[in-house]
Protein backbone atom coordinates (compact mmCIF):
# COMPACT_ATOMS: atom_id res chain seq x y z
CA MET A 1 22.34 -21.96 -26.74
CA ARG A 2 20.34 -23.72 -29.22
CA LYS A 3 16.93 -23.03 -30.04
CA VAL A 4 14.95 -26.08 -30.32
CA ASP A 5 11.50 -26.43 -32.37
CA VAL A 6 9.67 -28.85 -29.85
CA HIS A 7 6.74 -28.73 -32.96
CA GLU A 8 9.42 -29.94 -35.07
CA ILE A 9 10.53 -32.60 -33.63
CA ILE A 10 7.61 -34.25 -33.34
CA ASP A 11 5.99 -33.98 -36.32
CA ASN A 12 9.25 -35.49 -37.98
CA ALA A 13 9.97 -37.91 -35.49
CA ARG A 14 9.72 -41.63 -36.77
CA PHE A 15 7.44 -43.72 -34.97
CA SER A 16 9.33 -45.35 -32.05
CA GLY A 17 8.55 -47.56 -29.50
CA PHE A 18 7.88 -44.04 -27.01
CA HIS A 19 4.98 -43.98 -29.65
CA TRP A 20 3.96 -47.62 -29.10
CA LEU A 21 3.76 -47.05 -25.51
CA VAL A 22 1.47 -43.94 -25.11
CA MET A 23 -0.89 -45.45 -28.03
CA SER A 24 -1.41 -48.79 -26.17
CA LEU A 25 -1.90 -47.14 -22.75
CA CYS A 26 -4.25 -44.72 -24.48
CA ALA A 27 -5.72 -47.55 -25.93
CA LEU A 28 -6.11 -49.62 -23.06
CA LEU A 29 -7.84 -46.95 -20.83
CA LEU A 30 -10.64 -46.42 -24.11
CA ILE A 31 -11.25 -50.02 -23.90
CA PHE A 32 -12.11 -50.15 -19.94
CA ASP A 33 -14.32 -46.72 -21.33
CA GLY A 34 -15.89 -48.42 -24.20
CA TYR A 35 -16.49 -51.20 -21.76
CA ASP A 36 -18.30 -48.79 -19.03
CA LEU A 37 -20.03 -47.04 -21.84
CA PHE A 38 -21.70 -50.01 -23.84
CA ILE A 39 -22.80 -52.19 -20.48
CA TYR A 40 -26.01 -49.91 -20.27
CA GLY A 41 -26.79 -51.09 -23.70
CA VAL A 42 -26.09 -55.11 -22.53
CA VAL A 43 -28.15 -55.37 -19.45
CA LEU A 44 -31.18 -53.09 -20.50
CA PRO A 45 -33.27 -55.38 -21.42
CA THR A 46 -32.31 -57.64 -17.92
CA ILE A 47 -33.07 -54.75 -15.57
CA MET A 48 -36.16 -53.61 -17.25
CA LYS A 49 -37.67 -56.90 -16.81
CA GLU A 50 -36.52 -57.22 -13.40
CA TRP A 51 -37.63 -53.21 -12.15
CA GLY A 52 -40.44 -53.12 -14.65
CA LEU A 53 -39.41 -50.06 -16.44
CA SER A 54 -41.18 -48.88 -18.96
CA PRO A 55 -39.21 -47.95 -22.36
CA LEU A 56 -39.41 -44.08 -21.71
CA GLU A 57 -37.94 -44.78 -18.09
CA ALA A 58 -35.43 -47.15 -19.22
CA GLY A 59 -34.23 -44.38 -21.75
CA ALA A 60 -33.98 -41.72 -18.97
CA LEU A 61 -32.44 -43.89 -16.66
CA GLY A 62 -30.07 -44.48 -19.67
CA SER A 63 -29.05 -40.98 -19.66
CA TYR A 64 -27.71 -40.35 -16.52
CA ALA A 65 -24.57 -41.47 -17.33
CA LEU A 66 -24.41 -39.47 -20.27
CA PHE A 67 -25.02 -36.34 -18.32
CA GLY A 68 -22.26 -37.11 -16.11
CA MET A 69 -20.18 -37.86 -19.19
CA MET A 70 -21.28 -33.77 -20.58
CA PHE A 71 -20.41 -32.39 -17.63
CA GLY A 72 -16.60 -34.48 -17.28
CA ALA A 73 -15.84 -33.50 -20.02
CA LEU A 74 -16.61 -29.79 -19.83
CA ILE A 75 -15.15 -29.85 -16.51
CA PHE A 76 -11.83 -32.15 -17.31
CA GLY A 77 -10.83 -31.19 -20.57
CA THR A 78 -10.42 -27.52 -19.26
CA LEU A 79 -9.14 -28.44 -16.00
CA ALA A 80 -6.11 -30.73 -17.81
CA ASP A 81 -5.13 -27.87 -19.63
CA ARG A 82 -4.08 -26.26 -15.78
CA ILE A 83 -2.82 -29.36 -14.03
CA GLY A 84 -2.02 -31.31 -16.96
CA ARG A 85 -3.46 -34.37 -18.57
CA LYS A 86 -1.58 -37.25 -16.91
CA LYS A 87 -3.20 -35.84 -13.63
CA GLY A 88 -6.52 -35.07 -15.35
CA ILE A 89 -6.47 -38.85 -17.10
CA ALA A 90 -5.50 -40.62 -13.96
CA ILE A 91 -8.58 -39.17 -12.09
CA CYS A 92 -11.06 -39.72 -14.47
CA PHE A 93 -10.26 -43.08 -14.53
CA LEU A 94 -9.93 -43.68 -10.72
CA LEU A 95 -13.70 -42.26 -11.05
CA PHE A 96 -15.23 -44.03 -13.26
CA SER A 97 -13.83 -47.15 -12.84
CA THR A 98 -14.64 -47.39 -8.76
CA ALA A 99 -18.42 -45.74 -9.80
CA THR A 100 -18.88 -48.43 -12.09
CA VAL A 101 -17.80 -51.05 -8.99
CA ILE A 102 -20.55 -49.60 -6.73
CA ASN A 103 -22.77 -49.42 -9.58
CA GLY A 104 -23.63 -53.44 -9.37
CA PHE A 105 -24.41 -52.71 -5.26
CA ALA A 106 -27.52 -50.65 -7.05
CA SER A 107 -30.75 -51.86 -5.72
CA THR A 108 -33.47 -49.57 -6.86
CA PRO A 109 -33.42 -47.30 -10.37
CA THR A 110 -32.45 -44.45 -8.58
CA GLU A 111 -29.05 -45.47 -6.93
CA PHE A 112 -28.13 -47.04 -10.65
CA GLY A 113 -28.76 -43.53 -11.91
CA ILE A 114 -27.01 -42.17 -9.36
CA PHE A 115 -23.96 -44.46 -10.03
CA ARG A 116 -23.84 -44.27 -13.46
CA PHE A 117 -23.68 -40.00 -13.56
CA LEU A 118 -20.65 -40.40 -11.23
CA ALA A 119 -19.35 -43.21 -13.90
CA GLY A 120 -19.92 -40.68 -16.41
CA LEU A 121 -17.90 -37.73 -15.16
CA GLY A 122 -14.90 -39.90 -15.35
CA CYS A 123 -15.85 -41.48 -18.97
CA GLY A 124 -16.28 -37.57 -20.25
CA GLY A 125 -12.89 -36.13 -19.12
CA LEU A 126 -11.22 -38.86 -19.76
CA MET A 127 -11.75 -39.23 -23.46
CA PRO A 128 -10.78 -35.82 -25.17
CA ASN A 129 -7.65 -36.30 -22.82
CA VAL A 130 -6.06 -39.29 -24.39
CA VAL A 131 -7.01 -37.75 -27.39
CA ALA A 132 -5.23 -34.50 -27.05
CA LEU A 133 -2.32 -36.40 -25.10
CA MET A 134 -2.05 -38.77 -28.51
CA ASN A 135 -2.48 -36.04 -30.34
CA GLU A 136 0.31 -34.21 -29.19
CA TYR A 137 2.79 -37.48 -29.43
CA ALA A 138 2.24 -38.45 -33.14
CA PRO A 139 4.27 -38.03 -35.95
CA LYS A 140 2.60 -35.80 -38.59
CA LYS A 141 2.39 -38.18 -41.35
CA LEU A 142 0.79 -40.39 -39.05
CA ARG A 143 -1.44 -38.47 -36.54
CA SER A 144 -5.06 -39.52 -37.75
CA THR A 145 -4.08 -42.78 -38.16
CA LEU A 146 -2.24 -43.14 -34.59
CA VAL A 147 -5.66 -41.60 -33.11
CA ALA A 148 -7.68 -43.50 -34.82
CA LEU A 149 -6.08 -47.02 -33.72
CA MET A 150 -5.71 -46.17 -30.30
CA PHE A 151 -9.70 -44.88 -30.36
CA SER A 152 -10.28 -48.30 -31.40
CA GLY A 153 -10.27 -49.34 -27.96
CA TYR A 154 -13.71 -47.89 -27.47
CA SER A 155 -15.03 -49.98 -29.96
CA LEU A 156 -12.97 -53.01 -28.16
CA GLY A 157 -14.24 -52.41 -24.96
CA GLY A 158 -18.04 -52.52 -26.44
CA MET A 159 -17.24 -55.29 -28.37
CA PHE A 160 -16.11 -56.95 -25.04
CA SER A 161 -18.49 -55.83 -23.08
CA ALA A 162 -21.60 -57.52 -25.42
CA GLY A 163 -18.92 -61.09 -25.60
CA LEU A 164 -18.56 -61.11 -21.40
CA GLY A 165 -22.50 -60.45 -21.37
CA ILE A 166 -23.78 -63.07 -23.47
CA TYR A 167 -21.47 -65.05 -21.39
CA MET A 168 -22.12 -63.66 -18.03
CA LEU A 169 -25.73 -62.38 -17.78
CA PRO A 170 -27.51 -66.27 -17.99
CA ARG A 171 -25.19 -67.75 -15.08
CA PHE A 172 -24.14 -64.59 -12.73
CA GLY A 173 -26.92 -61.44 -13.53
CA TRP A 174 -26.50 -57.84 -14.54
CA GLU A 175 -24.73 -57.18 -11.60
CA ALA A 176 -21.28 -58.79 -11.98
CA MET A 177 -21.18 -56.99 -14.96
CA PHE A 178 -20.32 -54.07 -13.44
CA PHE A 179 -18.31 -56.00 -10.79
CA ALA A 180 -16.23 -56.67 -13.60
CA ALA A 181 -14.89 -53.13 -13.40
CA ALA A 182 -13.08 -53.63 -10.67
CA VAL A 183 -10.33 -55.67 -12.89
CA PRO A 184 -8.98 -52.35 -14.72
CA LEU A 185 -8.17 -50.52 -11.61
CA LEU A 186 -5.29 -52.56 -11.13
CA LEU A 187 -3.54 -50.46 -14.51
CA LEU A 188 -3.84 -47.52 -11.91
CA PRO A 189 -0.07 -47.61 -10.75
CA VAL A 190 1.05 -48.38 -14.32
CA ILE A 191 -0.66 -44.92 -15.39
CA LEU A 192 1.23 -43.17 -12.97
CA TRP A 193 4.24 -44.36 -13.77
CA LYS A 194 4.48 -44.77 -16.91
CA LEU A 195 2.13 -42.21 -18.92
CA PRO A 196 3.88 -39.10 -20.34
CA GLU A 197 3.22 -35.69 -19.33
CA SER A 198 1.88 -33.41 -22.43
CA ILE A 199 5.02 -31.66 -23.32
CA GLY A 200 3.15 -28.13 -24.04
CA PHE A 201 2.35 -28.12 -19.93
CA LEU A 202 5.96 -29.08 -18.79
CA VAL A 203 6.96 -26.11 -21.28
CA ARG A 204 4.41 -24.04 -19.99
CA GLN A 205 5.06 -24.73 -16.29
CA GLY A 206 9.01 -24.07 -17.01
CA ARG A 207 9.62 -27.81 -16.44
CA SER A 208 12.03 -28.17 -19.40
CA GLU A 209 14.39 -30.94 -17.97
CA GLN A 210 11.37 -33.18 -17.77
CA ALA A 211 10.20 -31.86 -21.38
CA ARG A 212 14.14 -32.41 -22.92
CA LYS A 213 13.81 -36.08 -21.75
CA LEU A 214 10.48 -36.89 -23.09
CA LEU A 215 11.84 -35.26 -26.44
CA ASN A 216 15.03 -37.35 -26.30
CA ARG A 217 12.80 -40.77 -26.14
CA ILE A 218 10.95 -39.56 -29.18
CA ASP A 219 13.84 -39.04 -31.38
CA PRO A 220 17.16 -39.80 -29.55
CA SER A 221 19.41 -38.57 -32.56
CA ARG A 222 18.90 -35.10 -31.21
CA GLU A 223 20.80 -35.53 -28.37
CA LEU A 224 19.18 -32.42 -26.27
CA SER A 225 21.00 -30.75 -23.76
CA ALA A 226 20.34 -28.92 -20.64
CA ASN A 227 21.66 -26.02 -22.63
CA ASP A 228 19.09 -26.28 -25.18
CA GLU A 229 15.96 -24.08 -25.44
CA LEU A 230 13.15 -25.23 -25.95
CA VAL A 231 10.82 -23.45 -28.72
CA MET A 232 6.94 -23.98 -28.30
CA SER A 233 4.52 -22.43 -30.16
CA GLU A 234 1.09 -21.45 -28.47
CA THR A 235 2.72 -22.12 -24.92
CA LYS A 236 1.65 -18.49 -23.47
CA GLY A 237 -0.37 -16.10 -24.00
CA LYS A 238 -3.63 -17.86 -24.45
CA SER A 239 -6.05 -18.90 -21.87
CA ALA A 240 -7.75 -22.22 -22.05
CA SER A 241 -10.97 -19.88 -22.33
CA VAL A 242 -13.99 -21.17 -23.90
CA LEU A 243 -13.74 -17.78 -25.67
CA GLU A 244 -10.53 -19.15 -27.79
CA LEU A 245 -12.05 -21.43 -29.58
CA PHE A 246 -14.61 -18.71 -31.70
CA ARG A 247 -11.66 -16.10 -31.73
CA ASP A 248 -9.03 -15.74 -34.80
CA GLY A 249 -11.70 -17.09 -37.23
CA ARG A 250 -12.66 -20.22 -35.52
CA GLY A 251 -16.45 -19.34 -34.66
CA VAL A 252 -18.25 -21.29 -38.06
CA ARG A 253 -16.05 -24.43 -37.60
CA THR A 254 -16.16 -24.47 -33.68
CA LEU A 255 -20.15 -24.35 -34.21
CA SER A 256 -19.72 -27.08 -37.23
CA ILE A 257 -17.53 -29.63 -35.27
CA TRP A 258 -20.37 -28.71 -32.46
CA VAL A 259 -23.07 -30.14 -34.31
CA ALA A 260 -21.50 -33.23 -35.48
CA PHE A 261 -20.72 -34.23 -32.43
CA PHE A 262 -24.10 -33.37 -31.07
CA CYS A 263 -25.79 -35.53 -33.86
CA CYS A 264 -22.95 -38.28 -34.10
CA LEU A 265 -23.25 -38.77 -30.02
CA LEU A 266 -27.45 -38.89 -30.31
CA MET A 267 -26.56 -41.99 -33.07
CA VAL A 268 -23.93 -43.70 -31.38
CA TYR A 269 -25.96 -44.27 -27.63
CA ALA A 270 -29.33 -44.32 -29.61
CA LEU A 271 -27.66 -47.52 -31.29
CA GLY A 272 -25.78 -49.12 -28.34
CA SER A 273 -29.01 -48.46 -25.88
CA TRP A 274 -31.17 -49.50 -27.90
CA LEU A 275 -30.47 -52.13 -30.60
CA PRO A 276 -30.34 -55.47 -28.73
CA LYS A 277 -33.86 -54.28 -27.15
CA LEU A 278 -35.33 -53.23 -31.04
CA MET A 279 -33.73 -56.82 -32.26
CA ALA A 280 -35.70 -58.27 -29.28
CA ASN A 281 -38.56 -57.39 -29.91
CA ALA A 282 -38.38 -57.81 -33.74
CA GLY A 283 -38.14 -61.56 -32.50
CA TYR A 284 -34.21 -62.44 -32.04
CA SER A 285 -33.24 -64.00 -28.97
CA LEU A 286 -31.37 -61.94 -26.41
CA GLY A 287 -27.53 -63.70 -27.43
CA SER A 288 -28.62 -62.78 -30.84
CA SER A 289 -29.55 -59.47 -29.76
CA LEU A 290 -26.35 -58.61 -28.03
CA SER A 291 -24.33 -60.46 -31.05
CA PHE A 292 -25.76 -57.50 -32.98
CA LEU A 293 -23.88 -55.31 -30.42
CA LEU A 294 -20.65 -56.98 -30.92
CA ALA A 295 -21.01 -56.45 -34.95
CA LEU A 296 -21.91 -53.04 -34.11
CA ASN A 297 -18.85 -52.23 -32.12
CA PHE A 298 -16.55 -54.39 -34.42
CA GLY A 299 -17.29 -51.99 -37.12
CA GLY A 300 -16.59 -49.28 -34.94
CA MET A 301 -13.13 -50.63 -34.93
CA PHE A 302 -12.53 -50.95 -38.40
CA GLY A 303 -13.97 -47.86 -39.52
CA ALA A 304 -12.23 -45.76 -36.80
CA ILE A 305 -8.71 -47.44 -38.74
CA LEU A 306 -9.87 -46.84 -41.92
CA GLY A 307 -11.02 -43.16 -41.67
CA GLY A 308 -7.68 -42.74 -40.39
CA TRP A 309 -6.05 -44.20 -42.83
CA LEU A 310 -8.09 -42.49 -45.41
CA GLY A 311 -7.60 -39.18 -43.20
CA ASP A 312 -3.83 -38.96 -43.47
CA ARG A 313 -4.28 -39.30 -47.36
CA PHE A 314 -7.03 -37.22 -47.76
CA ASN A 315 -8.53 -34.32 -46.66
CA LEU A 316 -9.93 -35.47 -43.04
CA ALA A 317 -13.36 -33.36 -43.25
CA LYS A 318 -14.13 -34.87 -45.79
CA VAL A 319 -13.65 -38.34 -45.15
CA VAL A 320 -15.95 -37.84 -42.46
CA VAL A 321 -18.36 -35.91 -44.86
CA VAL A 322 -19.15 -39.25 -46.52
CA PHE A 323 -18.64 -41.59 -43.35
CA PHE A 324 -21.61 -40.11 -42.55
CA ALA A 325 -23.63 -40.10 -45.58
CA VAL A 326 -23.13 -43.78 -45.26
CA SER A 327 -24.47 -44.11 -41.93
CA VAL A 328 -27.84 -42.37 -43.33
CA VAL A 329 -28.04 -45.41 -45.86
CA SER A 330 -27.11 -48.15 -43.47
CA ILE A 331 -28.95 -47.52 -40.40
CA SER A 332 -32.25 -46.76 -42.55
CA LEU A 333 -32.08 -49.97 -43.73
CA LEU A 334 -31.41 -51.83 -40.68
CA GLY A 335 -35.13 -51.91 -39.86
CA PHE A 336 -36.04 -54.06 -43.21
CA LYS A 337 -36.15 -58.19 -43.16
CA THR A 338 -33.07 -59.13 -44.60
CA PRO A 339 -31.21 -62.36 -44.62
CA MET A 340 -28.85 -62.51 -41.40
CA PRO A 341 -25.80 -62.63 -43.32
CA VAL A 342 -27.28 -58.56 -44.75
CA LEU A 343 -28.27 -57.86 -41.66
CA TYR A 344 -24.89 -58.45 -39.85
CA ALA A 345 -23.18 -56.88 -42.85
CA LEU A 346 -25.55 -53.62 -42.10
CA ILE A 347 -25.19 -53.86 -38.52
CA THR A 348 -21.16 -53.72 -38.87
CA ILE A 349 -21.29 -50.32 -41.65
CA ALA A 350 -23.16 -48.62 -39.16
CA GLY A 351 -20.88 -49.39 -36.90
CA ALA A 352 -18.25 -48.02 -39.04
CA THR A 353 -19.62 -44.93 -39.86
CA VAL A 354 -20.81 -43.97 -36.35
CA ILE A 355 -19.15 -45.17 -34.13
CA GLY A 356 -16.01 -44.88 -36.44
CA THR A 357 -16.83 -41.59 -37.17
CA GLN A 358 -17.25 -39.97 -33.55
CA ILE A 359 -13.67 -41.72 -33.15
CA LEU A 360 -12.74 -39.19 -36.27
CA LEU A 361 -14.61 -36.24 -35.41
CA TYR A 362 -12.09 -36.59 -31.63
CA ALA A 363 -9.26 -36.65 -34.94
CA ALA A 364 -10.61 -33.57 -36.73
CA ALA A 365 -11.27 -31.75 -33.71
CA ALA A 366 -7.31 -32.25 -32.05
CA GLN A 367 -6.16 -31.25 -35.25
CA PHE A 368 -8.10 -28.10 -35.58
CA TYR A 369 -7.63 -26.57 -32.07
CA GLY A 370 -4.05 -25.41 -31.31
CA LEU A 371 -2.02 -26.97 -28.37
CA SER A 372 -2.50 -24.67 -25.75
CA ILE A 373 -6.64 -25.04 -26.47
CA ARG A 374 -6.57 -28.48 -27.40
CA SER A 375 -7.77 -29.97 -24.09
CA THR A 376 -10.47 -27.17 -23.82
CA GLY A 377 -11.37 -27.59 -27.53
CA LEU A 378 -11.86 -31.45 -27.42
CA GLY A 379 -13.88 -30.98 -23.80
CA TRP A 380 -16.21 -28.69 -25.46
CA ALA A 381 -16.55 -30.19 -28.03
CA SER A 382 -17.75 -33.97 -26.03
CA GLY A 383 -19.70 -31.79 -23.27
CA ILE A 384 -21.64 -30.56 -26.27
CA GLY A 385 -21.74 -33.63 -28.08
CA ARG A 386 -22.62 -35.50 -24.65
CA ASN A 387 -26.28 -33.59 -25.19
CA GLY A 388 -26.71 -35.34 -28.12
CA ALA A 389 -26.27 -38.50 -26.12
CA ILE A 390 -28.29 -37.88 -23.46
CA VAL A 391 -31.14 -37.45 -26.36
CA GLY A 392 -30.36 -40.72 -27.98
CA PRO A 393 -31.79 -43.71 -25.01
CA LEU A 394 -34.61 -40.85 -24.27
CA LEU A 395 -35.76 -40.68 -27.67
CA GLY A 396 -34.86 -44.60 -28.48
CA GLY A 397 -37.25 -44.85 -25.52
CA ALA A 398 -39.88 -42.69 -26.54
CA LEU A 399 -40.50 -44.15 -29.99
CA LEU A 400 -40.68 -47.14 -28.41
CA GLY A 401 -42.95 -46.07 -25.80
CA ILE A 402 -45.21 -45.50 -29.42
CA ASN A 403 -44.82 -48.58 -30.62
CA LEU A 404 -43.52 -47.05 -33.99
CA PRO A 405 -43.08 -49.70 -36.88
CA LEU A 406 -39.13 -51.04 -36.68
CA GLN A 407 -38.07 -49.51 -40.04
CA LEU A 408 -39.78 -45.83 -39.17
CA ASN A 409 -37.56 -46.36 -35.76
CA PHE A 410 -34.13 -46.61 -37.70
CA MET A 411 -35.17 -43.72 -40.26
CA ALA A 412 -35.58 -41.68 -37.34
CA PHE A 413 -32.04 -42.42 -35.60
CA ALA A 414 -30.86 -41.52 -39.12
CA ILE A 415 -31.89 -38.60 -39.40
CA PRO A 416 -28.88 -36.95 -37.15
CA GLY A 417 -26.57 -38.49 -39.83
CA VAL A 418 -28.38 -35.92 -42.36
CA ILE A 419 -27.55 -32.65 -40.32
CA ALA A 420 -24.21 -34.13 -39.61
CA ALA A 421 -22.87 -34.81 -42.98
CA LEU A 422 -24.47 -31.12 -43.85
CA ALA A 423 -22.30 -29.39 -40.42
CA MET A 424 -19.37 -31.13 -41.31
CA THR A 425 -19.31 -29.98 -45.41
CA VAL A 426 -19.41 -26.68 -43.75
CA PHE A 427 -16.23 -27.15 -41.29
CA ALA A 428 -14.62 -28.60 -44.56
CA VAL A 429 -15.54 -25.65 -46.80
CA SER A 430 -14.52 -22.85 -44.00
CA GLY A 431 -11.30 -24.66 -43.89
CA GLN A 432 -10.50 -24.49 -47.35
CA ARG A 433 -10.85 -20.35 -47.23
CA SER A 434 -8.93 -20.37 -44.33
CA SER A 435 -6.72 -21.46 -45.97
CA ASN A 436 -7.09 -19.60 -49.28
CA VAL A 437 -6.78 -16.32 -47.38
CA ALA A 438 -3.93 -16.98 -45.40
CA PRO A 439 -1.54 -17.35 -48.16
CA ALA A 440 -2.93 -14.18 -49.68
CA GLY A 441 -3.04 -12.17 -46.50
CA LEU A 442 1.36 -12.90 -46.61
CA SER A 443 1.72 -11.86 -50.01
CA ALA A 444 -0.14 -8.69 -48.88
CA ALA A 445 2.49 -8.51 -46.38
CA LYS A 446 5.83 -9.05 -48.10
CA ALA A 447 4.48 -6.96 -50.85
């Protein structure tokens, strides 16, 4: 009987059609997720006018979905470590798609908020699980790049939401934007049929035959048989408790990445919810304001791919620190009068270093946490970050409510980027210390 190291096969596999399938399906899911998340910023100017909402009321309404995302990330991230990532992903996808369609029937702000909360539960649970699944199957040398490429679907969904809004809002009203979410539900049978289950989950469940079939698809040259025993570190002996995130010297880095998630998501949702309205107030037409949201998400897609490529070649945490620093500068400059090409360039850079950095944070967290606690680690980081996402629309509404100059609004949006850069600096430094201590400990043990 051969003992086969599962990690060794996955880490050293060549990129194949199997990896392409996993990445494409996860990216498709995130396109619909991104559409759902950015839809509020697209319809916000219209529903504020229709329902007579104040900026603070509109900001609070935008936070309903984000409350749902916080609970969804915490619940479904941990649940998927117990029931499997595939089931967790399918449940979340069905939940947010159905709730979004029903959202189009809302006739009052209260009904709208309830359905946005339910959609948020699904969106919040989906993200950590698709990231964990992609990270588990990606070859080691391409891990950051593939996670970033997959996550660019999130920005593509935001671009699609803004682009569709430019066409549909004047013709069919804001309700049609939500009814369009019925189309993604056609993908559910494909997800259940084609998306593979987590190999770590299969091994923990004793479903070795299914795990061997997947490994033969990842690397057919291995030709694994029923006599081969699959060996995998971190498949037994550890619970999926949040306390595990603070054990074995992970405490400081867990807190650092939580702070970075909080600040980054605050900036993402402050900009995503209020950029069209801020620009409309500055004198731009609704069509132009939505095209700024399009540029923001295009930048997010570009930034994620560039950051993933850089992360595979350099230290990913250090790349994140640099991205946060650039985001502070670009967002701060948005409030100043500049020529239109410069304004679009600044918005694109802001998207690349805010939305793109959010995606890199997921990749960093997925690489930091071990397999048995990965969905839990990602779920809690995402859940804590959702508190920042909740604060973002509220902050934007409060700032608009007190009629601050445009420059000060954007500077306030940039401040969390400074805090996040400091937090990720601590994360990077703590990681270097851990790697320096480990060899010393091994040397002593050998002596």
